[in-house]
Amino acid sequence: MTTIILIIHLMLAVALVTTILLQRSEGGALGIGGGGDGFMSGRGTANALTRTTAVLAVLFITTSLVLGILATRGGSSDSVLDRVVPLAGPGDTVLPDVPAPFEGFGEPDVTPAAPAEPAEPTVPRAE
């Protein structure tokens, strides 16, 4: 049931974003948008897009609440915080297991190189 509601919720989210982006800007923000007698008249009559936006918003909020209720009541009690291993106390001396070194080769036979003498800069001379 949660999966079905989640799919409906995602479809509502896409439809809501699409409906909002289809609407014409009313201006006021950054001076972009139509004038006074554009999309909305002085009385503020709502057309199909604004009503659709309102219905989709109500459905989106409803599915959000239903998913939240289902997650708290019907979900598993297993939490990420339940899997956290507590740290050792100050008196405990628990050392982690360290794997043994690979015994196929001995110590590397590398001697550090001596630092090179700084070379004097060569200055080009005019002829």
Foldseek 3Di string as FASTA:
>chain_A
DLVVLVVVLVVLVVVLVVLVVPDFDPAPPVRDGDDAPPPAHPVGDDDDSVVVNVVSVVSNVVSVVVSVVCCVPVNDPDDPVVPDDDDDDPPDDDDDDDDDDDDPDDDDPDDDDDDDDDDDDDDDDDD
